[in-house]
Structure formats: C-alpha cells, structure tokens
Amino acid sequence: MPVSSAAAAAAAVREALRARGLSQSDAARVLGIAQPTLSDRLRGRTPFTLADLDRLADHLGITVAELLEPPASLVDEAAAS
C-alpha cells in the first residue's frame, strides 16, 4: 500500500529529530506549538505546514529537502510492495 505524503513527511521528520537528538518537546518549542500537536503531526494524523518544515530545517541546519529525505525503513517498505 502506498504511503501518504503526510505519513512520509512525518516519518522523515521523526528520523531527522532522532538522528540529531532533538526531543519532541524541544521540536515543539522550535515550532511554537504544543507537544501533543507535534505528536499528531509526527504520527501523520495532521500534516506539517511548509512553515513548520522550514523552521525545523533551519533549526537543524539542513534544507527542507534534506529534512524530507525518506528514512531507509520507508524506502525498504516501498521497494517490497
């Protein structure tokens, strides 16, 4: 089954946060949103806005394109389908 763009973005952002040691609470502060709101976005329940992605990428010192690179787990899952 294809992965939705919101789910793919959420997985990529989760991986970027994990790889750089940024907690959900820290990321929520960077975005100026409540942690439960970020949690919904990280689960793919609600999409990230472009402004969210831009703020996170800037904070992490990467581009939005780099932020949205799919994690290996999604690439492997898509290849298996």
PDB file of N, CA and C in Angstrom:
ATOM      1  N   MET A   1       0.844  -1.174   0.000  1.00  0.00           N
ATOM      2  CA  MET A   1       0.000   0.000   0.000  1.00  0.00           C
ATOM      3  C   MET A   1       0.891   1.240   0.000  1.00  0.00           C
ATOM      4  N   PRO A   2       0.594   2.239  -0.856  1.00  0.00           N
ATOM      5  CA  PRO A   2       1.407   3.453  -0.892  1.00  0.00           C
ATOM      6  C   PRO A   2       1.295   4.236   0.411  1.00  0.00           C
ATOM      7  N   VAL A   3       2.366   4.918   0.738  1.00  0.00           N
ATOM      8  CA  VAL A   3       2.415   5.732   1.947  1.00  0.00           C
ATOM      9  C   VAL A   3       1.954   7.141   1.593  1.00  0.00           C
ATOM     10  N   SER A   4       1.076   7.726   2.416  1.00  0.00           N
ATOM     11  CA  SER A   4       0.605   9.088   2.155  1.00  0.00           C
ATOM     12  C   SER A   4       1.756  10.075   2.317  1.00  0.00           C
ATOM     13  N   SER A   5       1.613  11.226   1.670  1.00  0.00           N
ATOM     14  CA  SER A   5       2.669  12.231   1.776  1.00  0.00           C
ATOM     15  C   SER A   5       2.815  12.732   3.214  1.00  0.00           C
ATOM     16  N   ALA A   6       1.689  12.842   3.946  1.00  0.00           N
ATOM     17  CA  ALA A   6       1.763  13.272   5.353  1.00  0.00           C
ATOM     18  C   ALA A   6       2.514  12.239   6.190  1.00  0.00           C
ATOM     19  N   ALA A   7       2.242  10.958   5.942  1.00  0.00           N
ATOM     20  CA  ALA A   7       2.923   9.896   6.689  1.00  0.00           C
ATOM     21  C   ALA A   7       4.406   9.845   6.328  1.00  0.00           C
ATOM     22  N   ALA A   8       4.722  10.039   5.043  1.00  0.00           N
ATOM     23  CA  ALA A   8       6.116  10.021   4.610  1.00  0.00           C
ATOM     24  C   ALA A   8       6.879  11.196   5.222  1.00  0.00           C
ATOM     25  N   ALA A   9       6.260  12.373   5.224  1.00  0.00           N
ATOM     26  CA  ALA A   9       6.895  13.547   5.833  1.00  0.00           C
ATOM     27  C   ALA A   9       7.081  13.323   7.327  1.00  0.00           C
ATOM     28  N   ALA A  10       6.066  12.768   7.979  1.00  0.00           N
ATOM     29  CA  ALA A  10       6.150  12.514   9.419  1.00  0.00           C
ATOM     30  C   ALA A  10       7.295  11.562   9.729  1.00  0.00           C
ATOM     31  N   ALA A  11       7.428  10.497   8.946  1.00  0.00           N
ATOM     32  CA  ALA A  11       8.497   9.527   9.176  1.00  0.00           C
ATOM     33  C   ALA A  11       9.862  10.175   8.965  1.00  0.00           C
ATOM     34  N   ALA A  12       9.990  10.993   7.940  1.00  0.00           N
ATOM     35  CA  ALA A  12      11.260  11.657   7.669  1.00  0.00           C
ATOM     36  C   ALA A  12      11.621  12.632   8.781  1.00  0.00           C
ATOM     37  N   VAL A  13      10.631  13.382   9.262  1.00  0.00           N
ATOM     38  CA  VAL A  13      10.885  14.338  10.345  1.00  0.00           C
ATOM     39  C   VAL A  13      11.245  13.593  11.624  1.00  0.00           C
ATOM     40  N   ARG A  14      10.509  12.520  11.944  1.00  0.00           N
ATOM     41  CA  ARG A  14      10.843  11.720  13.142  1.00  0.00           C
ATOM     42  C   ARG A  14      12.283  11.248  13.087  1.00  0.00           C
ATOM     43  N   GLU A  15      12.701  10.735  11.933  1.00  0.00           N
ATOM     44  CA  GLU A  15      14.062  10.237  11.784  1.00  0.00           C
ATOM     45  C   GLU A  15      15.084  11.363  11.923  1.00  0.00           C
ATOM     46  N   ALA A  16      14.801  12.519  11.334  1.00  0.00           N
ATOM     47  CA  ALA A  16      15.725  13.651  11.433  1.00  0.00           C
ATOM     48  C   ALA A  16      15.863  14.108  12.883  1.00  0.00           C
ATOM     49  N   LEU A  17      14.755  14.159  13.602  1.00  0.00           N
ATOM     50  CA  LEU A  17      14.807  14.558  15.017  1.00  0.00           C
ATOM     51  C   LEU A  17      15.607  13.550  15.827  1.00  0.00           C
ATOM     52  N   ARG A  18      15.333  12.261  15.587  1.00  0.00           N
ATOM     53  CA  ARG A  18      16.038  11.201  16.313  1.00  0.00           C
ATOM     54  C   ARG A  18      17.536  11.257  16.021  1.00  0.00           C
ATOM     55  N   ALA A  19      17.883  11.397  14.748  1.00  0.00           N
ATOM     56  CA  ALA A  19      19.294  11.385  14.346  1.00  0.00           C
ATOM     57  C   ALA A  19      20.070  12.555  14.943  1.00  0.00           C
ATOM     58  N   ARG A  20      19.365  13.645  15.204  1.00  0.00           N
ATOM     59  CA  ARG A  20      20.036  14.838  15.727  1.00  0.00           C
ATOM     60  C   ARG A  20      19.796  15.049  17.224  1.00  0.00           C
ATOM     61  N   GLY A  21      19.128  14.084  17.861  1.00  0.00           N
ATOM     62  CA  GLY A  21      18.937  14.138  19.302  1.00  0.00           C
ATOM     63  C   GLY A  21      17.979  15.218  19.779  1.00  0.00           C
ATOM     64  N   LEU A  22      17.042  15.632  18.927  1.00  0.00           N
ATOM     65  CA  LEU A  22      16.076  16.669  19.306  1.00  0.00           C
ATOM     66  C   LEU A  22      14.791  15.994  19.796  1.00  0.00           C
ATOM     67  N   SER A  23      14.393  16.297  21.016  1.00  0.00           N
ATOM     68  CA  SER A  23      13.183  15.693  21.578  1.00  0.00           C
ATOM     69  C   SER A  23      11.936  16.327  20.976  1.00  0.00           C
ATOM     70  N   GLN A  24      10.803  15.648  21.144  1.00  0.00           N
ATOM     71  CA  GLN A  24       9.533  16.212  20.689  1.00  0.00           C
ATOM     72  C   GLN A  24       9.248  17.526  21.403  1.00  0.00           C
ATOM     73  N   SER A  25       9.533  17.597  22.669  1.00  0.00           N
ATOM     74  CA  SER A  25       9.299  18.837  23.422  1.00  0.00           C
ATOM     75  C   SER A  25      10.139  19.977  22.864  1.00  0.00           C
ATOM     76  N   ASP A  26      11.414  19.694  22.573  1.00  0.00           N
ATOM     77  CA  ASP A  26      12.291  20.711  22.000  1.00  0.00           C
ATOM     78  C   ASP A  26      11.793  21.142  20.625  1.00  0.00           C
ATOM     79  N   ALA A  27      11.416  20.179  19.806  1.00  0.00           N
ATOM     80  CA  ALA A  27      10.929  20.487  18.453  1.00  0.00           C
ATOM     81  C   ALA A  27       9.638  21.305  18.521  1.00  0.00           C
ATOM     82  N   ALA A  28       8.756  20.965  19.463  1.00  0.00           N
ATOM     83  CA  ALA A  28       7.508  21.725  19.616  1.00  0.00           C
ATOM     84  C   ALA A  28       7.806  23.170  19.985  1.00  0.00           C
ATOM     85  N   ARG A  29       8.802  23.377  20.855  1.00  0.00           N
ATOM     86  CA  ARG A  29       9.191  24.742  21.223  1.00  0.00           C
ATOM     87  C   ARG A  29       9.728  25.502  20.008  1.00  0.00           C
ATOM     88  N   VAL A  30      10.535  24.838  19.202  1.00  0.00           N
ATOM     89  CA  VAL A  30      11.074  25.467  17.988  1.00  0.00           C
ATOM     90  C   VAL A  30       9.925  25.904  17.073  1.00  0.00           C
ATOM     91  N   LEU A  31       8.899  25.065  16.985  1.00  0.00           N
ATOM     92  CA  LEU A  31       7.764  25.354  16.109  1.00  0.00           C
ATOM     93  C   LEU A  31       6.737  26.294  16.732  1.00  0.00           C
ATOM     94  N   GLY A  32       6.804  26.467  18.050  1.00  0.00           N
ATOM     95  CA  GLY A  32       5.828  27.314  18.727  1.00  0.00           C
ATOM     96  C   GLY A  32       4.459  26.663  18.830  1.00  0.00           C
ATOM     97  N   ILE A  33       4.457  25.330  18.945  1.00  0.00           N
ATOM     98  CA  ILE A  33       3.207  24.585  19.072  1.00  0.00           C
ATOM     99  C   ILE A  33       3.274  23.692  20.308  1.00  0.00           C
ATOM    100  N   ALA A  34       2.122  23.203  20.720  1.00  0.00           N
ATOM    101  CA  ALA A  34       2.068  22.291  21.867  1.00  0.00           C
ATOM    102  C   ALA A  34       2.627  20.922  21.462  1.00  0.00           C
ATOM    103  N   GLN A  35       3.227  20.237  22.422  1.00  0.00           N
ATOM    104  CA  GLN A  35       3.806  18.914  22.143  1.00  0.00           C
ATOM    105  C   GLN A  35       2.752  17.939  21.607  1.00  0.00           C
ATOM    106  N   PRO A  36       1.503  17.906  22.137  1.00  0.00           N
ATOM    107  CA  PRO A  36       0.510  16.992  21.559  1.00  0.00           C
ATOM    108  C   PRO A  36       0.197  17.298  20.085  1.00  0.00           C
ATOM    109  N   THR A  37       0.260  18.567  19.700  1.00  0.00           N
ATOM    110  CA  THR A  37       0.054  18.934  18.294  1.00  0.00           C
ATOM    111  C   THR A  37       1.186  18.375  17.442  1.00  0.00           C
ATOM    112  N   LEU A  38       2.416  18.504  17.926  1.00  0.00           N
ATOM    113  CA  LEU A  38       3.549  17.933  17.206  1.00  0.00           C
ATOM    114  C   LEU A  38       3.411  16.416  17.124  1.00  0.00           C
ATOM    115  N   SER A  39       2.980  15.796  18.192  1.00  0.00           N
ATOM    116  CA  SER A  39       2.797  14.356  18.194  1.00  0.00           C
ATOM    117  C   SER A  39       1.820  13.918  17.105  1.00  0.00           C
ATOM    118  N   ASP A  40       0.728  14.658  16.945  1.00  0.00           N
ATOM    119  CA  ASP A  40      -0.230  14.353  15.873  1.00  0.00           C
ATOM    120  C   ASP A  40       0.431  14.463  14.502  1.00  0.00           C
ATOM    121  N   ARG A  41       1.274  15.448  14.329  1.00  0.00           N
ATOM    122  CA  ARG A  41       1.960  15.617  13.045  1.00  0.00           C
ATOM    123  C   ARG A  41       2.980  14.511  12.821  1.00  0.00           C
ATOM    124  N   LEU A  42       3.691  14.125  13.881  1.00  0.00           N
ATOM    125  CA  LEU A  42       4.685  13.063  13.753  1.00  0.00           C
ATOM    126  C   LEU A  42       4.050  11.695  13.514  1.00  0.00           C
ATOM    127  N   ARG A  43       2.789  11.549  13.845  1.00  0.00           N
ATOM    128  CA  ARG A  43       2.061  10.306  13.581  1.00  0.00           C
ATOM    129  C   ARG A  43       1.350  10.326  12.232  1.00  0.00           C
ATOM    130  N   GLY A  44       1.439  11.457  11.527  1.00  0.00           N
ATOM    131  CA  GLY A  44       0.801  11.578  10.230  1.00  0.00           C
ATOM    132  C   GLY A  44      -0.687  11.851  10.304  1.00  0.00           C
ATOM    133  N   ARG A  45      -1.181  12.152  11.500  1.00  0.00           N
ATOM    134  CA  ARG A  45      -2.615  12.452  11.667  1.00  0.00           C
ATOM    135  C   ARG A  45      -2.983  13.798  11.067  1.00  0.00           C
ATOM    136  N   THR A  46      -2.084  14.757  11.223  1.00  0.00           N
ATOM    137  CA  THR A  46      -2.254  16.077  10.607  1.00  0.00           C
ATOM    138  C   THR A  46      -0.938  16.414   9.915  1.00  0.00           C
ATOM    139  N   PRO A  47      -1.010  17.082   8.776  1.00  0.00           N
ATOM    140  CA  PRO A  47       0.228  17.349   8.034  1.00  0.00           C
ATOM    141  C   PRO A  47       1.045  18.490   8.632  1.00  0.00           C
ATOM    142  N   PHE A  48       2.330  18.436   8.393  1.00  0.00           N
ATOM    143  CA  PHE A  48       3.204  19.559   8.716  1.00  0.00           C
ATOM    144  C   PHE A  48       2.928  20.668   7.710  1.00  0.00           C
ATOM    145  N   THR A  49       3.014  21.899   8.148  1.00  0.00           N
ATOM    146  CA  THR A  49       2.917  23.017   7.213  1.00  0.00           C
ATOM    147  C   THR A  49       4.306  23.269   6.640  1.00  0.00           C
ATOM    148  N   LEU A  50       4.349  23.977   5.538  1.00  0.00           N
ATOM    149  CA  LEU A  50       5.638  24.332   4.965  1.00  0.00           C
ATOM    150  C   LEU A  50       6.434  25.197   5.944  1.00  0.00           C
ATOM    151  N   ALA A  51       5.734  26.072   6.662  1.00  0.00           N
ATOM    152  CA  ALA A  51       6.411  26.912   7.665  1.00  0.00           C
ATOM    153  C   ALA A  51       7.033  26.043   8.762  1.00  0.00           C
ATOM    154  N   ASP A  52       6.315  24.979   9.199  1.00  0.00           N
ATOM    155  CA  ASP A  52       6.861  24.048  10.197  1.00  0.00           C
ATOM    156  C   ASP A  52       8.158  23.429   9.685  1.00  0.00           C
ATOM    157  N   LEU A  53       8.099  22.922   8.470  1.00  0.00           N
ATOM    158  CA  LEU A  53       9.253  22.237   7.894  1.00  0.00           C
ATOM    159  C   LEU A  53      10.426  23.192   7.732  1.00  0.00           C
ATOM    160  N   ASP A  54      10.136  24.414   7.315  1.00  0.00           N
ATOM    161  CA  ASP A  54      11.182  25.422   7.153  1.00  0.00           C
ATOM    162  C   ASP A  54      11.834  25.756   8.493  1.00  0.00           C
ATOM    163  N   ARG A  55      11.031  25.936   9.550  1.00  0.00           N
ATOM    164  CA  ARG A  55      11.581  26.240  10.885  1.00  0.00           C
ATOM    165  C   ARG A  55      12.445  25.098  11.408  1.00  0.00           C
ATOM    166  N   LEU A  56      11.929  23.874  11.267  1.00  0.00           N
ATOM    167  CA  LEU A  56      12.696  22.717  11.753  1.00  0.00           C
ATOM    168  C   LEU A  56      14.006  22.570  10.990  1.00  0.00           C
ATOM    169  N   ALA A  57      13.929  22.660   9.681  1.00  0.00           N
ATOM    170  CA  ALA A  57      15.139  22.517   8.865  1.00  0.00           C
ATOM    171  C   ALA A  57      16.155  23.584   9.247  1.00  0.00           C
ATOM    172  N   ASP A  58      15.701  24.822   9.401  1.00  0.00           N
ATOM    173  CA  ASP A  58      16.595  25.908   9.790  1.00  0.00           C
ATOM    174  C   ASP A  58      17.237  25.624  11.142  1.00  0.00           C
ATOM    175  N   HIS A  59      16.430  25.173  12.086  1.00  0.00           N
ATOM    176  CA  HIS A  59      16.950  24.867  13.426  1.00  0.00           C
ATOM    177  C   HIS A  59      17.984  23.741  13.376  1.00  0.00           C
ATOM    178  N   LEU A  60      17.750  22.770  12.498  1.00  0.00           N
ATOM    179  CA  LEU A  60      18.654  21.618  12.395  1.00  0.00           C
ATOM    180  C   LEU A  60      19.850  21.895  11.484  1.00  0.00           C
ATOM    181  N   GLY A  61      19.826  23.055  10.811  1.00  0.00           N
ATOM    182  CA  GLY A  61      20.941  23.399   9.936  1.00  0.00           C
ATOM    183  C   GLY A  61      20.962  22.616   8.634  1.00  0.00           C
ATOM    184  N   ILE A  62      19.785  22.235   8.143  1.00  0.00           N
ATOM    185  CA  ILE A  62      19.668  21.491   6.900  1.00  0.00           C
ATOM    186  C   ILE A  62      18.589  22.143   6.037  1.00  0.00           C
ATOM    187  N   THR A  63      18.466  21.677   4.805  1.00  0.00           N
ATOM    188  CA  THR A  63      17.413  22.192   3.931  1.00  0.00           C
ATOM    189  C   THR A  63      16.126  21.404   4.164  1.00  0.00           C
ATOM    190  N   VAL A  64      15.023  21.960   3.699  1.00  0.00           N
ATOM    191  CA  VAL A  64      13.748  21.241   3.790  1.00  0.00           C
ATOM    192  C   VAL A  64      13.842  19.944   2.990  1.00  0.00           C
ATOM    193  N   ALA A  65      14.501  19.983   1.839  1.00  0.00           N
ATOM    194  CA  ALA A  65      14.666  18.756   1.032  1.00  0.00           C
ATOM    195  C   ALA A  65      15.411  17.685   1.818  1.00  0.00           C
ATOM    196  N   GLU A  66      16.454  18.076   2.523  1.00  0.00           N
ATOM    197  CA  GLU A  66      17.197  17.109   3.346  1.00  0.00           C
ATOM    198  C   GLU A  66      16.322  16.595   4.487  1.00  0.00           C
ATOM    199  N   LEU A  67      15.545  17.484   5.069  1.00  0.00           N
ATOM    200  CA  LEU A  67      14.649  17.096   6.163  1.00  0.00           C
ATOM    201  C   LEU A  67      13.651  16.047   5.693  1.00  0.00           C
ATOM    202  N   LEU A  68      13.201  16.173   4.447  1.00  0.00           N
ATOM    203  CA  LEU A  68      12.157  15.287   3.939  1.00  0.00           C
ATOM    204  C   LEU A  68      12.677  14.046   3.230  1.00  0.00           C
ATOM    205  N   GLU A  69      13.992  13.827   3.253  1.00  0.00           N
ATOM    206  CA  GLU A  69      14.512  12.595   2.662  1.00  0.00           C
ATOM    207  C   GLU A  69      13.893  11.421   3.401  1.00  0.00           C
ATOM    208  N   PRO A  70      13.318  10.479   2.646  1.00  0.00           N
ATOM    209  CA  PRO A  70      12.638   9.368   3.319  1.00  0.00           C
ATOM    210  C   PRO A  70      13.610   8.493   4.095  1.00  0.00           C
ATOM    211  N   PRO A  71      13.193   8.071   5.289  1.00  0.00           N
ATOM    212  CA  PRO A  71      14.031   7.159   6.065  1.00  0.00           C
ATOM    213  C   PRO A  71      14.171   5.832   5.327  1.00  0.00           C
ATOM    214  N   ALA A  72      15.250   5.130   5.584  1.00  0.00           N
ATOM    215  CA  ALA A  72      15.511   3.848   4.928  1.00  0.00           C
ATOM    216  C   ALA A  72      14.357   2.878   5.118  1.00  0.00           C
ATOM    217  N   SER A  73      13.712   2.901   6.265  1.00  0.00           N
ATOM    218  CA  SER A  73      12.603   1.975   6.526  1.00  0.00           C
ATOM    219  C   SER A  73      11.462   2.175   5.532  1.00  0.00           C
ATOM    220  N   LEU A  74      11.159   3.429   5.157  1.00  0.00           N
ATOM    221  CA  LEU A  74      10.101   3.685   4.178  1.00  0.00           C
ATOM    222  C   LEU A  74      10.553   3.295   2.777  1.00  0.00           C
ATOM    223  N   VAL A  75      11.807   3.532   2.460  1.00  0.00           N
ATOM    224  CA  VAL A  75      12.332   3.156   1.153  1.00  0.00           C
ATOM    225  C   VAL A  75      12.266   1.639   1.005  1.00  0.00           C
ATOM    226  N   ASP A  76      12.682   0.917   2.039  1.00  0.00           N
ATOM    227  CA  ASP A  76      12.637  -0.548   2.014  1.00  0.00           C
ATOM    228  C   ASP A  76      11.204  -1.058   1.886  1.00  0.00           C
ATOM    229  N   GLU A  77      10.279  -0.419   2.610  1.00  0.00           N
ATOM    230  CA  GLU A  77       8.862  -0.811   2.580  1.00  0.00           C
ATOM    231  C   GLU A  77       8.283  -0.588   1.179  1.00  0.00           C
ATOM    232  N   ALA A  78       8.605   0.534   0.561  1.00  0.00           N
ATOM    233  CA  ALA A  78       8.091   0.839  -0.771  1.00  0.00           C
ATOM    234  C   ALA A  78       8.672  -0.143  -1.799  1.00  0.00           C
ATOM    235  N   ALA A  79       9.928  -0.504  -1.647  1.00  0.00           N
ATOM    236  CA  ALA A  79      10.550  -1.435  -2.583  1.00  0.00           C
ATOM    237  C   ALA A  79       9.955  -2.834  -2.473  1.00  0.00           C
ATOM    238  N   ALA A  80       9.511  -3.194  -1.271  1.00  0.00           N
ATOM    239  CA  ALA A  80       8.932  -4.516  -1.037  1.00  0.00           C
ATOM    240  C   ALA A  80       7.511  -4.622  -1.580  1.00  0.00           C
ATOM    241  N   SER A  81       6.868  -3.488  -1.819  1.00  0.00           N
ATOM    242  CA  SER A  81       5.469  -3.501  -2.297  1.00  0.00           C
ATOM    243  C   SER A  81       5.371  -3.846  -3.748  1.00  0.00           C
TER     244      SER A  81
END
